Amino acid sequence: MKNDKDVISFAANKKWLSIPEETRRMLEQNVWCGSCGDVVTIEKYTVEDSPSGIELRGKCKKCGYEVARVID
């Protein structure tokens, strides 16, 4: 299985992995895309530290537009 995630921050990745897998999958599938104007799935994302917690930065699965999701 291909891994579509790149890790920018080990600390952020540790926080991300501390979230139960089922919840992580739900968060990946609940990202707003400004291009589609809808909630989409994020793919090919990085996990980064954010002042609010952690941030997923990647691409919309539908159109490829850059999207992000902050998780506090």
N, C-alpha and C. Protein backbone atom coordinates (compact mmCIF):
# COMPACT_ATOMS: atom_id res chain seq x y z
N MET A 1 0.85 -1.19 0.00
CA MET A 1 0.00 0.00 0.00
C MET A 1 0.88 1.24 0.00
N LYS A 2 0.57 2.18 -0.85
CA LYS A 2 1.35 3.41 -0.97
C LYS A 2 1.04 4.34 0.21
N ASN A 3 2.07 4.92 0.77
CA ASN A 3 1.91 5.88 1.86
C ASN A 3 1.90 7.27 1.26
N ASP A 4 0.75 7.97 1.33
CA ASP A 4 0.61 9.30 0.73
C ASP A 4 0.93 10.42 1.70
N LYS A 5 1.57 10.11 2.83
CA LYS A 5 1.84 11.12 3.83
C LYS A 5 3.34 11.37 3.94
N ASP A 6 3.74 12.63 3.97
CA ASP A 6 5.12 13.02 4.23
C ASP A 6 5.14 13.73 5.56
N VAL A 7 6.12 13.43 6.40
CA VAL A 7 6.19 14.02 7.73
C VAL A 7 7.18 15.17 7.73
N ILE A 8 6.73 16.35 8.15
CA ILE A 8 7.60 17.52 8.28
C ILE A 8 8.17 17.59 9.70
N SER A 9 7.33 17.30 10.69
CA SER A 9 7.72 17.44 12.08
C SER A 9 7.48 16.13 12.83
N PHE A 10 8.53 15.60 13.46
CA PHE A 10 8.36 14.38 14.23
C PHE A 10 7.44 14.61 15.42
N ALA A 11 7.51 15.79 16.04
CA ALA A 11 6.63 16.11 17.17
C ALA A 11 5.17 16.15 16.72
N ALA A 12 4.92 16.78 15.56
CA ALA A 12 3.56 16.84 15.04
C ALA A 12 3.07 15.45 14.67
N ASN A 13 3.94 14.64 14.09
CA ASN A 13 3.56 13.29 13.72
C ASN A 13 3.23 12.45 14.97
N LYS A 14 3.97 12.66 16.03
CA LYS A 14 3.70 11.94 17.28
C LYS A 14 2.31 12.30 17.80
N LYS A 15 1.96 13.59 17.75
CA LYS A 15 0.62 14.03 18.16
C LYS A 15 -0.44 13.41 17.25
N TRP A 16 -0.18 13.43 15.94
CA TRP A 16 -1.12 12.88 14.96
C TRP A 16 -1.36 11.38 15.23
N LEU A 17 -0.29 10.65 15.46
CA LEU A 17 -0.42 9.21 15.70
C LEU A 17 -1.03 8.89 17.06
N SER A 18 -1.06 9.85 17.98
CA SER A 18 -1.70 9.63 19.28
C SER A 18 -3.22 9.68 19.18
N ILE A 19 -3.72 10.20 18.06
CA ILE A 19 -5.17 10.23 17.82
C ILE A 19 -5.57 8.85 17.32
N PRO A 20 -6.67 8.29 17.84
CA PRO A 20 -7.10 6.96 17.38
C PRO A 20 -7.26 6.92 15.85
N GLU A 21 -6.89 5.79 15.25
CA GLU A 21 -6.89 5.65 13.79
C GLU A 21 -8.24 5.98 13.18
N GLU A 22 -9.31 5.52 13.79
CA GLU A 22 -10.65 5.80 13.26
C GLU A 22 -10.93 7.31 13.20
N THR A 23 -10.49 8.03 14.22
CA THR A 23 -10.67 9.48 14.27
C THR A 23 -9.79 10.16 13.22
N ARG A 24 -8.56 9.67 13.05
CA ARG A 24 -7.68 10.24 12.01
C ARG A 24 -8.31 10.08 10.63
N ARG A 25 -8.88 8.93 10.34
CA ARG A 25 -9.53 8.71 9.04
C ARG A 25 -10.71 9.66 8.86
N MET A 26 -11.48 9.88 9.93
CA MET A 26 -12.60 10.80 9.87
C MET A 26 -12.11 12.22 9.58
N LEU A 27 -11.02 12.64 10.22
CA LEU A 27 -10.46 13.97 10.01
C LEU A 27 -9.93 14.13 8.58
N GLU A 28 -9.32 13.07 8.04
CA GLU A 28 -8.81 13.12 6.66
C GLU A 28 -9.96 13.29 5.65
N GLN A 29 -11.13 12.80 6.00
CA GLN A 29 -12.28 12.86 5.10
C GLN A 29 -13.18 14.07 5.35
N ASN A 30 -12.72 14.98 6.19
CA ASN A 30 -13.53 16.13 6.57
C ASN A 30 -12.71 17.42 6.44
N VAL A 31 -12.30 17.72 5.20
CA VAL A 31 -11.46 18.89 4.91
C VAL A 31 -12.20 19.75 3.89
N TRP A 32 -12.22 21.06 4.10
CA TRP A 32 -12.91 21.97 3.18
C TRP A 32 -12.01 22.29 1.99
N CYS A 33 -12.56 22.17 0.80
CA CYS A 33 -11.85 22.56 -0.43
C CYS A 33 -12.52 23.80 -1.00
N GLY A 34 -11.77 24.88 -1.10
CA GLY A 34 -12.30 26.13 -1.64
C GLY A 34 -12.61 26.04 -3.13
N SER A 35 -11.92 25.17 -3.84
CA SER A 35 -12.17 25.01 -5.27
C SER A 35 -13.46 24.22 -5.52
N CYS A 36 -13.63 23.13 -4.80
CA CYS A 36 -14.83 22.30 -4.97
C CYS A 36 -16.04 22.92 -4.25
N GLY A 37 -15.76 23.75 -3.22
CA GLY A 37 -16.83 24.32 -2.42
C GLY A 37 -17.56 23.25 -1.62
N ASP A 38 -16.79 22.26 -1.14
CA ASP A 38 -17.39 21.13 -0.46
C ASP A 38 -16.37 20.50 0.49
N VAL A 39 -16.87 19.62 1.34
CA VAL A 39 -16.01 18.84 2.22
C VAL A 39 -15.47 17.67 1.41
N VAL A 40 -14.15 17.47 1.49
CA VAL A 40 -13.47 16.45 0.68
C VAL A 40 -12.49 15.65 1.54
N THR A 41 -11.85 14.69 0.91
CA THR A 41 -10.78 13.92 1.54
C THR A 41 -9.44 14.54 1.14
N ILE A 42 -8.56 14.69 2.13
CA ILE A 42 -7.21 15.20 1.87
C ILE A 42 -6.31 14.01 1.53
N GLU A 43 -5.41 14.21 0.57
CA GLU A 43 -4.44 13.18 0.23
C GLU A 43 -3.08 13.82 0.01
N LYS A 44 -2.06 12.98 -0.02
CA LYS A 44 -0.68 13.43 -0.21
C LYS A 44 -0.35 14.58 0.73
N TYR A 45 -0.64 14.38 2.00
CA TYR A 45 -0.49 15.47 2.97
C TYR A 45 0.75 15.32 3.84
N THR A 46 1.15 16.47 4.39
CA THR A 46 2.21 16.52 5.38
C THR A 46 1.58 16.82 6.73
N VAL A 47 2.27 16.44 7.79
CA VAL A 47 1.83 16.70 9.16
C VAL A 47 2.80 17.72 9.73
N GLU A 48 2.29 18.89 10.10
CA GLU A 48 3.13 19.99 10.56
C GLU A 48 2.65 20.53 11.90
N ASP A 49 3.58 21.11 12.66
CA ASP A 49 3.20 21.80 13.89
C ASP A 49 2.48 23.08 13.54
N SER A 50 1.51 23.45 14.36
CA SER A 50 0.73 24.68 14.18
C SER A 50 0.55 25.31 15.55
N PRO A 51 0.42 26.63 15.63
CA PRO A 51 0.17 27.26 16.93
C PRO A 51 -1.08 26.71 17.62
N SER A 52 -2.03 26.23 16.83
CA SER A 52 -3.28 25.70 17.37
C SER A 52 -3.22 24.20 17.67
N GLY A 53 -2.17 23.53 17.26
CA GLY A 53 -2.04 22.08 17.46
C GLY A 53 -1.19 21.49 16.35
N ILE A 54 -1.84 20.74 15.44
CA ILE A 54 -1.14 20.23 14.27
C ILE A 54 -1.96 20.58 13.03
N GLU A 55 -1.29 20.55 11.89
CA GLU A 55 -1.94 20.91 10.64
C GLU A 55 -1.60 19.88 9.57
N LEU A 56 -2.63 19.46 8.86
CA LEU A 56 -2.45 18.59 7.70
C LEU A 56 -2.49 19.50 6.48
N ARG A 57 -1.48 19.42 5.62
CA ARG A 57 -1.44 20.20 4.38
C ARG A 57 -1.26 19.23 3.23
N GLY A 58 -2.20 19.30 2.27
CA GLY A 58 -2.12 18.37 1.16
C GLY A 58 -2.99 18.80 0.00
N LYS A 59 -3.50 17.82 -0.71
CA LYS A 59 -4.29 18.05 -1.93
C LYS A 59 -5.69 17.48 -1.77
N CYS A 60 -6.65 18.15 -2.42
CA CYS A 60 -8.02 17.66 -2.49
C CYS A 60 -8.04 16.40 -3.35
N LYS A 61 -8.68 15.36 -2.87
CA LYS A 61 -8.75 14.11 -3.62
C LYS A 61 -9.56 14.26 -4.91
N LYS A 62 -10.53 15.20 -4.91
CA LYS A 62 -11.39 15.39 -6.08
C LYS A 62 -10.71 16.18 -7.19
N CYS A 63 -10.10 17.33 -6.83
CA CYS A 63 -9.61 18.25 -7.87
C CYS A 63 -8.11 18.55 -7.80
N GLY A 64 -7.44 18.16 -6.72
CA GLY A 64 -6.01 18.41 -6.61
C GLY A 64 -5.65 19.76 -6.03
N TYR A 65 -6.65 20.59 -5.67
CA TYR A 65 -6.43 21.91 -5.09
C TYR A 65 -5.74 21.75 -3.73
N GLU A 66 -4.89 22.71 -3.37
CA GLU A 66 -4.23 22.65 -2.06
C GLU A 66 -5.23 22.91 -0.95
N VAL A 67 -5.24 22.02 0.05
CA VAL A 67 -6.14 22.14 1.19
C VAL A 67 -5.36 21.93 2.47
N ALA A 68 -5.96 22.34 3.58
CA ALA A 68 -5.33 22.17 4.90
C ALA A 68 -6.41 21.93 5.94
N ARG A 69 -6.01 21.24 7.00
CA ARG A 69 -6.92 20.97 8.12
C ARG A 69 -6.12 21.17 9.39
N VAL A 70 -6.59 22.07 10.28
CA VAL A 70 -5.97 22.29 11.58
C VAL A 70 -6.68 21.41 12.60
N ILE A 71 -5.90 20.73 13.41
CA ILE A 71 -6.43 19.86 14.45
C ILE A 71 -5.90 20.35 15.78
N ASP A 72 -6.80 20.81 16.63
CA ASP A 72 -6.36 21.34 17.93
C ASP A 72 -6.58 20.39 19.05
